[in-house]
Amino acid sequence: MSGVRMRLTFPEDLVREPVIAQLVRDHAVEPNIRRANVDEVEGWIVCELSGDAAAIESAISWLRQKGVRVDLLGDVVES
């Protein structure tokens, strides 16, 4: 199992949606939330996403299609 560290930025229309719950349920990945800030207008999360490499790629693609800005932070998390 491997993982990546990323910053997820949510636009106003997604702040109240259970995006992380859907991500876990549908993509067999496990997020470890390291920092977050959410208000009525926008939100961001810095997290480590771990799982199978294909599942992580699928999850990142799904997040981007959903409208979440995904910034990979460059350091790979190995477990």
Protein backbone atom coordinates (compact mmCIF):
# COMPACT_ATOMS: atom_id res chain seq x y z
CA MET A 1 0.00 0.00 0.00
CA SER A 2 1.26 3.46 -0.83
CA GLY A 3 -0.13 6.94 -0.77
CA VAL A 4 0.19 10.58 -1.67
CA ARG A 5 -0.08 13.83 0.23
CA MET A 6 -2.39 16.43 -1.27
CA ARG A 7 -4.32 19.60 -0.67
CA LEU A 8 -7.97 19.48 -1.64
CA THR A 9 -9.79 22.78 -2.16
CA PHE A 10 -13.59 22.67 -2.24
CA PRO A 11 -15.68 25.36 -3.97
CA GLU A 12 -18.78 26.76 -2.27
CA ASP A 13 -21.20 24.35 -3.98
CA LEU A 14 -19.34 21.31 -2.56
CA VAL A 15 -18.70 22.51 1.01
CA ARG A 16 -21.85 20.87 2.38
CA GLU A 17 -21.57 17.63 0.36
CA PRO A 18 -20.08 14.48 1.96
CA VAL A 19 -17.29 14.28 -0.63
CA ILE A 20 -14.77 12.52 1.63
CA ALA A 21 -17.35 9.92 2.69
CA GLN A 22 -18.17 9.23 -0.98
CA LEU A 23 -14.48 9.01 -1.77
CA VAL A 24 -13.89 6.34 0.87
CA ARG A 25 -17.02 4.39 -0.01
CA ASP A 26 -16.53 4.34 -3.79
CA HIS A 27 -12.74 4.21 -4.27
CA ALA A 28 -11.26 1.94 -1.58
CA VAL A 29 -8.87 4.62 -0.32
CA GLU A 30 -8.20 5.86 3.19
CA PRO A 31 -7.66 9.57 3.88
CA ASN A 32 -5.63 10.77 6.85
CA ILE A 33 -6.65 14.39 7.34
CA ARG A 34 -3.67 16.41 8.59
CA ARG A 35 -5.12 19.94 8.46
CA ALA A 36 -8.38 21.49 7.36
CA ASN A 37 -10.32 24.72 7.24
CA VAL A 38 -13.95 24.90 6.14
CA ASP A 39 -16.43 27.77 6.20
CA GLU A 40 -19.63 28.62 4.32
CA VAL A 41 -17.83 29.82 1.19
CA GLU A 42 -14.98 27.34 0.67
CA GLY A 43 -12.88 24.72 2.36
CA TRP A 44 -9.53 23.00 2.10
CA ILE A 45 -8.05 19.82 3.46
CA VAL A 46 -4.44 18.65 3.56
CA CYS A 47 -4.52 14.87 3.66
CA GLU A 48 -2.57 11.73 2.98
CA LEU A 49 -4.51 9.37 0.75
CA SER A 50 -3.45 5.74 0.99
CA GLY A 51 -4.49 2.62 -0.87
CA ASP A 52 -3.72 0.72 -4.04
CA ALA A 53 -2.03 2.92 -6.69
CA ALA A 54 -4.89 2.40 -9.18
CA ALA A 55 -7.47 3.27 -6.50
CA ILE A 56 -5.59 6.47 -5.64
CA GLU A 57 -5.44 7.50 -9.30
CA SER A 58 -9.15 6.79 -9.68
CA ALA A 59 -9.94 8.77 -6.53
CA ILE A 60 -7.92 11.79 -7.69
CA SER A 61 -9.59 11.72 -11.10
CA TRP A 62 -13.04 11.50 -9.47
CA LEU A 63 -12.27 14.44 -7.15
CA ARG A 64 -11.21 16.60 -10.09
CA GLN A 65 -14.30 15.64 -12.11
CA LYS A 66 -16.43 16.53 -9.08
CA GLY A 67 -14.93 20.05 -9.07
CA VAL A 68 -12.43 19.69 -6.23
CA ARG A 69 -9.05 21.30 -6.88
CA VAL A 70 -6.36 18.69 -6.19
CA ASP A 71 -2.80 19.89 -5.58
CA LEU A 72 -0.33 17.06 -5.10
CA LEU A 73 2.21 18.08 -2.48
CA GLY A 74 5.00 16.00 -3.89
CA ASP A 75 5.99 13.80 -1.00
CA VAL A 76 4.89 10.20 -1.36
CA VAL A 77 3.70 8.48 1.77
CA GLU A 78 4.88 4.87 2.06
CA SER A 79 3.46 2.47 4.61
